């Protein structure tokens, strides 16, 4: 059986739970967001312009080209395009911190990216999906309109994000104490939902994971490489390059999974791409962050060595 012909089982109760968990993730991100984070966009217009262009223009376009180059099936192609159109998640902030990058810039980019995604996600996905030679067939079967997706985005992103911003502004002490707990628990819950979905469809997952594993590996490498490459091309500093790498490379695949089940009935290739991306993206990002942090530490030690040596000589 072709991967385009299979459906991943996911009941309505699980779909509702997924919406609640994603809403809590966005609520947690917003509680960790300050009005000054948006003002930072005005103070660093070049960095934010680069980030927006990379996430919402270049990544979907390059992903479209990658699907054609790999010759993947229509559902796999749509899954890759959907993930590319999703906003970044707060995992990017954690990885930026682990890599010793510019965390303030990362948090600001995540906030701005999620706000822009309210409109750009459905428009981008609809445009590239309808343009794809094999992916457009699934749009024709289901008749997904951009405004249908927009209403879902408003419910899952805009509403919880607005509530989180309100709490952050009106109750800053409460937000500071609780955003980490909300973020951690919702992230764990999302991981649990993905694990349960995979377990309930284990035979299909094992049979078809090979179809998407290479595509997701290359796609994730493309996203991380794009973030780093465009930051370097525009001569951003090293801490900003780290932030940009993870802001572009880390996507909210859980949100993509929601769209797969809400609008495409668990379409095989799309569901497998979104589920596996959510796992692999964190693994690859963590490896990059750890290696980057070690390299930064060794560089700092080398640069500090001459000064230390000179100090000892002076003391002697």
Protein backbone atom coordinates (compact mmCIF):
# COMPACT_ATOMS: atom_id res chain seq x y z
CA UNK A 1 0.00 0.00 0.00
CA UNK A 2 1.23 3.52 -0.85
CA UNK A 3 1.88 5.91 2.05
CA UNK A 4 -0.60 8.32 0.43
CA UNK A 5 -3.35 5.75 0.89
CA UNK A 6 -3.00 5.10 4.62
CA UNK A 7 -4.66 6.96 7.49
CA UNK A 8 -3.29 7.30 11.03
CA UNK A 9 -5.96 6.63 13.69
CA UNK A 10 -6.59 9.58 16.00
CA UNK A 11 -9.95 9.98 17.75
CA UNK A 12 -11.80 13.23 18.42
CA UNK A 13 -10.96 13.14 22.13
CA UNK A 14 -7.25 12.96 21.38
CA UNK A 15 -7.62 15.81 18.87
CA UNK A 16 -9.26 18.00 21.53
CA UNK A 17 -6.49 17.14 23.97
CA UNK A 18 -3.89 18.05 21.36
CA UNK A 19 -5.53 21.46 20.85
CA UNK A 20 -5.52 22.13 24.59
CA UNK A 21 -1.86 21.11 24.94
CA UNK A 22 -0.78 23.27 22.00
CA UNK A 23 -2.75 26.16 23.43
CA UNK A 24 -0.94 25.73 26.75
CA UNK A 25 2.42 25.69 24.96
CA UNK A 26 1.60 29.02 23.31
CA UNK A 27 0.23 30.33 26.62
CA UNK A 28 3.54 29.45 28.27
CA UNK A 29 5.55 31.11 25.50
CA UNK A 30 3.46 34.28 25.84
CA UNK A 31 3.88 34.38 29.64
CA UNK A 32 7.65 34.43 29.02
CA UNK A 33 7.21 37.30 26.55
CA UNK A 34 7.41 40.97 27.45
CA UNK A 35 6.32 44.02 25.49
CA UNK A 36 10.02 44.90 25.31
CA UNK A 37 10.56 41.73 23.28
CA UNK A 38 8.52 43.27 20.49
CA UNK A 39 10.32 46.58 20.91
CA UNK A 40 13.56 44.69 20.36
CA UNK A 41 12.33 44.01 16.82
CA UNK A 42 12.32 47.76 16.24
CA UNK A 43 15.81 48.13 17.70
CA UNK A 44 17.25 45.28 15.62
CA UNK A 45 15.28 45.54 12.36
CA UNK A 46 17.90 43.78 10.24
CA UNK A 47 18.00 40.64 12.40
CA UNK A 48 14.22 40.40 12.51
CA UNK A 49 13.82 41.07 8.79
CA UNK A 50 16.29 38.27 8.09
CA UNK A 51 14.47 35.93 10.48
CA UNK A 52 11.05 36.63 8.95
CA UNK A 53 12.35 36.19 5.40
CA UNK A 54 14.10 32.93 6.29
CA UNK A 55 11.16 31.40 8.15
CA UNK A 56 8.18 32.48 6.10
CA UNK A 57 9.61 32.90 2.59
CA UNK A 58 12.85 30.98 2.04
CA UNK A 59 12.19 27.85 4.13
CA UNK A 60 8.80 27.00 2.52
CA UNK A 61 10.22 27.72 -0.95
CA UNK A 62 13.35 25.61 -0.38
CA UNK A 63 11.22 22.86 1.16
CA UNK A 64 9.04 22.86 -1.95
CA UNK A 65 12.18 22.43 -4.07
CA UNK A 66 13.46 19.64 -1.80
CA UNK A 67 10.21 17.67 -2.18
CA UNK A 68 10.55 17.87 -5.96
CA UNK A 69 14.23 16.86 -5.81
CA UNK A 70 13.51 13.85 -3.58
CA UNK A 71 10.43 12.87 -5.59
CA UNK A 72 8.43 12.05 -2.44
CA UNK A 73 4.73 11.21 -2.54
CA UNK A 74 2.07 13.88 -2.31
CA UNK A 75 1.23 13.33 1.36
CA UNK A 76 4.91 13.33 2.40
CA UNK A 77 5.47 16.52 0.39
CA UNK A 78 2.51 18.21 2.06
CA UNK A 79 3.78 17.14 5.48
CA UNK A 80 7.18 18.67 4.80
CA UNK A 81 5.64 21.90 3.48
CA UNK A 82 3.28 22.12 6.45
CA UNK A 83 6.10 21.73 8.98
CA UNK A 84 8.12 24.39 7.14
CA UNK A 85 5.20 26.81 7.40
CA UNK A 86 4.74 26.27 11.15
CA UNK A 87 6.13 28.85 13.60
CA UNK A 88 9.08 28.17 15.91
CA UNK A 89 8.46 26.69 19.35
CA UNK A 90 9.97 27.50 22.73
CA UNK A 91 12.41 24.60 22.27
CA UNK A 92 14.40 27.03 20.11
CA UNK A 93 14.89 29.27 23.17
CA UNK A 94 16.12 26.35 25.26
CA UNK A 95 18.58 25.23 22.58
CA UNK A 96 19.84 28.78 22.05
CA UNK A 97 20.53 29.01 25.78
CA UNK A 98 22.28 25.61 25.70
CA UNK A 99 24.44 26.75 22.78
CA UNK A 100 25.34 29.99 24.61
CA UNK A 101 23.59 32.12 22.03
CA UNK A 102 21.53 35.31 22.21
CA UNK A 103 18.55 34.12 24.27
CA UNK A 104 16.84 37.54 24.38
CA UNK A 105 16.90 37.69 20.59
CA UNK A 106 15.65 34.10 20.39
CA UNK A 107 12.70 34.76 22.71
CA UNK A 108 11.82 37.90 20.77
CA UNK A 109 11.98 36.09 17.44
CA UNK A 110 9.78 33.29 18.77
CA UNK A 111 7.18 35.80 19.94
CA UNK A 112 7.16 37.72 16.67
CA UNK A 113 7.22 34.51 14.62
CA UNK A 114 4.16 33.09 16.37
CA UNK A 115 2.22 36.33 15.90
CA UNK A 116 3.06 36.45 12.17
CA UNK A 117 2.21 32.75 11.78
CA UNK A 118 -1.42 33.48 12.65
CA UNK A 119 -1.87 34.82 9.13
CA UNK A 120 1.18 33.53 7.24
CA UNK A 121 0.90 29.83 8.18
CA UNK A 122 -2.45 29.14 6.44
CA UNK A 123 -1.62 31.38 3.48
CA UNK A 124 1.84 29.91 2.98
CA UNK A 125 0.70 26.31 3.31
CA UNK A 126 -2.26 26.81 1.00
CA UNK A 127 -0.07 28.51 -1.64
CA UNK A 128 2.74 25.95 -1.73
CA UNK A 129 0.41 22.98 -1.19
CA UNK A 130 -1.84 23.91 -4.10
CA UNK A 131 1.25 24.58 -6.23
CA UNK A 132 2.77 21.13 -5.62
CA UNK A 133 2.17 18.75 -8.58
CA UNK A 134 1.19 15.76 -6.40
CA UNK A 135 0.24 17.46 -3.15
CA UNK A 136 -2.54 19.51 -4.74
CA UNK A 137 -4.54 16.33 -5.29
CA UNK A 138 -5.12 16.00 -1.54
CA UNK A 139 -6.26 19.60 -1.32
CA UNK A 140 -8.79 18.90 -4.08
CA UNK A 141 -10.11 15.84 -2.23
CA UNK A 142 -10.58 17.64 1.09
CA UNK A 143 -11.21 21.22 -0.10
CA UNK A 144 -9.14 22.95 2.57
CA UNK A 145 -9.56 26.73 2.43
CA UNK A 146 -7.02 29.13 3.99
CA UNK A 147 -9.71 30.76 6.15
CA UNK A 148 -10.64 27.35 7.61
CA UNK A 149 -7.07 26.93 8.77
CA UNK A 150 -6.99 30.56 9.91
CA UNK A 151 -9.88 29.94 12.33
CA UNK A 152 -7.98 26.97 13.80
CA UNK A 153 -4.81 29.08 14.14
CA UNK A 154 -6.77 31.83 15.88
CA UNK A 155 -8.09 29.30 18.39
CA UNK A 156 -4.81 27.45 19.03
CA UNK A 157 -2.24 30.27 18.67
CA UNK A 158 -3.82 33.73 18.80
CA UNK A 159 -6.19 33.27 21.75
CA UNK A 160 -3.78 31.53 24.17
CA UNK A 161 -0.93 33.83 23.09
CA UNK A 162 -3.06 36.93 23.79
CA UNK A 163 -4.10 35.54 27.18
CA UNK A 164 -0.48 34.74 28.03
CA UNK A 165 0.64 38.26 27.09
CA UNK A 166 -2.11 39.71 29.27
CA UNK A 167 -0.98 37.61 32.25
CA UNK A 168 2.66 38.56 31.63
CA UNK A 169 1.78 42.25 31.56
CA UNK A 170 -0.76 42.34 34.40
CA UNK A 171 0.71 39.67 36.70
CA UNK A 172 4.45 39.59 35.95
CA UNK A 173 5.42 37.85 39.21
CA UNK A 174 2.85 35.10 38.66
CA UNK A 175 3.94 34.69 35.02
CA UNK A 176 7.60 34.46 36.04
CA UNK A 177 6.82 31.69 38.54
CA UNK A 178 4.50 29.62 36.38
CA UNK A 179 5.59 29.92 32.73
CA UNK A 180 8.35 27.33 33.10
CA UNK A 181 6.00 24.86 34.78
CA UNK A 182 3.30 25.35 32.13
CA UNK A 183 5.86 25.09 29.33
CA UNK A 184 7.48 21.96 30.71
CA UNK A 185 4.23 20.12 31.48
CA UNK A 186 2.63 21.00 28.14
CA UNK A 187 5.79 19.93 26.30
CA UNK A 188 5.81 16.60 28.14
CA UNK A 189 2.09 16.19 27.39
CA UNK A 190 2.71 16.84 23.70
CA UNK A 191 5.45 14.21 23.70
CA UNK A 192 3.04 11.81 25.39
CA UNK A 193 0.37 12.42 22.74
CA UNK A 194 2.87 11.69 19.97
CA UNK A 195 4.10 8.53 21.72
CA UNK A 196 0.53 7.27 22.19
CA UNK A 197 -0.35 8.03 18.58
CA UNK A 198 2.73 6.13 17.39
CA UNK A 199 1.98 3.20 19.73
CA UNK A 200 -1.62 2.96 18.50
CA UNK A 201 -0.38 2.88 14.91
CA UNK A 202 2.85 0.99 15.51
CA UNK A 203 2.56 -1.42 12.59
CA UNK A 204 2.01 1.45 10.15
CA UNK A 205 4.81 3.47 11.74
CA UNK A 206 7.32 0.63 11.41
CA UNK A 207 6.22 -0.17 7.87
CA UNK A 208 6.47 3.39 6.53
CA UNK A 209 8.95 5.28 8.73
CA UNK A 210 11.69 4.51 6.22
CA UNK A 211 9.75 6.47 3.62
CA UNK A 212 9.97 9.69 5.64
CA UNK A 213 13.15 9.24 7.73
CA UNK A 214 15.59 10.39 5.04
CA UNK A 215 13.28 13.21 3.92
CA UNK A 216 12.93 14.52 7.49
CA UNK A 217 16.70 14.22 8.09
CA UNK A 218 17.51 16.27 4.98
CA UNK A 219 14.68 18.71 5.62
CA UNK A 220 15.81 19.37 9.19
CA UNK A 221 19.42 19.82 8.06
CA UNK A 222 18.19 22.26 5.41
CA UNK A 223 16.27 24.30 7.99
CA UNK A 224 19.16 24.49 10.46
CA UNK A 225 21.63 25.25 7.68
CA UNK A 226 19.40 27.99 6.29
CA UNK A 227 19.18 29.68 9.69
CA UNK A 228 22.94 29.64 10.14
CA UNK A 229 23.75 30.49 6.51
CA UNK A 230 21.49 33.51 6.23
CA UNK A 231 22.66 34.87 9.59
CA UNK A 232 26.26 34.57 8.46
CA UNK A 233 25.51 36.05 5.04
CA UNK A 234 24.09 39.15 6.73
CA UNK A 235 27.07 39.27 9.11
CA UNK A 236 25.17 38.86 12.34
CA UNK A 237 27.28 38.21 15.43
CA UNK A 238 27.97 34.65 16.61
CA UNK A 239 25.38 34.71 19.45
CA UNK A 240 22.76 36.00 16.99
CA UNK A 241 23.74 33.30 14.47
CA UNK A 242 23.03 30.66 17.09
CA UNK A 243 19.62 32.18 17.83
CA UNK A 244 18.80 32.40 14.13
CA UNK A 245 19.89 28.81 13.49
CA UNK A 246 17.42 27.43 16.02
CA UNK A 247 14.63 29.90 15.24
CA UNK A 248 14.60 28.77 11.61
CA UNK A 249 15.56 25.14 12.24
CA UNK A 250 13.15 24.34 15.08
CA UNK A 251 9.50 24.19 14.00
CA UNK A 252 6.34 23.55 16.02
CA UNK A 253 5.62 20.14 14.49
CA UNK A 254 2.89 19.53 17.07
CA UNK A 255 0.88 22.31 15.45
CA UNK A 256 1.45 20.65 12.10
CA UNK A 257 0.18 17.37 13.53
CA UNK A 258 -3.00 19.15 14.62
CA UNK A 259 -3.68 20.32 11.07
CA UNK A 260 -3.04 16.85 9.70
CA UNK A 261 -5.75 15.35 11.91
CA UNK A 262 -8.12 18.33 11.84
CA UNK A 263 -8.19 18.81 8.07
CA UNK A 264 -6.59 15.80 6.37
CA UNK A 265 -8.00 12.91 8.38
CA UNK A 266 -4.60 11.64 9.52
CA UNK A 267 -3.24 11.40 5.97
CA UNK A 268 -0.38 8.91 6.20
CA UNK A 269 2.67 10.74 4.88
CA UNK A 270 1.71 14.04 6.50
CA UNK A 271 1.17 12.47 9.93
CA UNK A 272 4.41 10.48 9.78
CA UNK A 273 6.44 13.53 8.74
CA UNK A 274 5.00 15.75 11.48
CA UNK A 275 5.36 13.07 14.18
CA UNK A 276 8.92 12.10 13.26
CA UNK A 277 9.98 15.71 12.75
CA UNK A 278 8.84 16.47 16.31
CA UNK A 279 11.22 13.79 17.58
CA UNK A 280 14.19 14.19 15.25
CA UNK A 281 14.16 17.98 15.33
CA UNK A 282 14.87 18.01 19.07
CA UNK A 283 17.59 15.34 18.79
CA UNK A 284 19.40 17.13 15.97
CA UNK A 285 18.98 20.54 17.61
CA UNK A 286 20.33 19.29 20.93
CA UNK A 287 23.39 17.75 19.26
CA UNK A 288 24.12 21.02 17.44
CA UNK A 289 23.61 23.06 20.64
CA UNK A 290 25.90 20.85 22.74
CA UNK A 291 28.69 20.83 20.16
CA UNK A 292 28.36 24.59 19.68
CA UNK A 293 28.54 25.22 23.43
CA UNK A 294 31.67 23.07 23.77
CA UNK A 295 33.31 24.86 20.88
CA UNK A 296 32.47 28.24 22.44
CA UNK A 297 33.88 27.14 25.81
CA UNK A 298 37.13 25.90 24.25
CA UNK A 299 37.48 29.12 22.26
CA UNK A 300 36.95 31.20 25.40
CA UNK A 301 39.57 29.15 27.25
CA UNK A 302 42.12 29.62 24.45
CA UNK A 303 41.50 33.36 24.29
CA UNK A 304 41.83 33.66 28.08
CA UNK A 305 45.05 31.60 28.31
CA UNK A 306 47.56 34.29 27.21
CA UNK A 307 46.14 36.83 29.67
CA UNK A 308 46.35 34.29 32.51
CA UNK A 309 49.91 33.40 31.60
CA UNK A 310 50.98 37.05 31.47
CA UNK A 311 49.37 37.66 34.86
CA UNK A 312 51.34 34.80 36.40
CA UNK A 313 54.58 36.12 34.93
CA UNK A 314 53.88 39.59 36.31
CA UNK A 315 53.16 38.15 39.74
CA UNK A 316 56.37 36.16 39.71
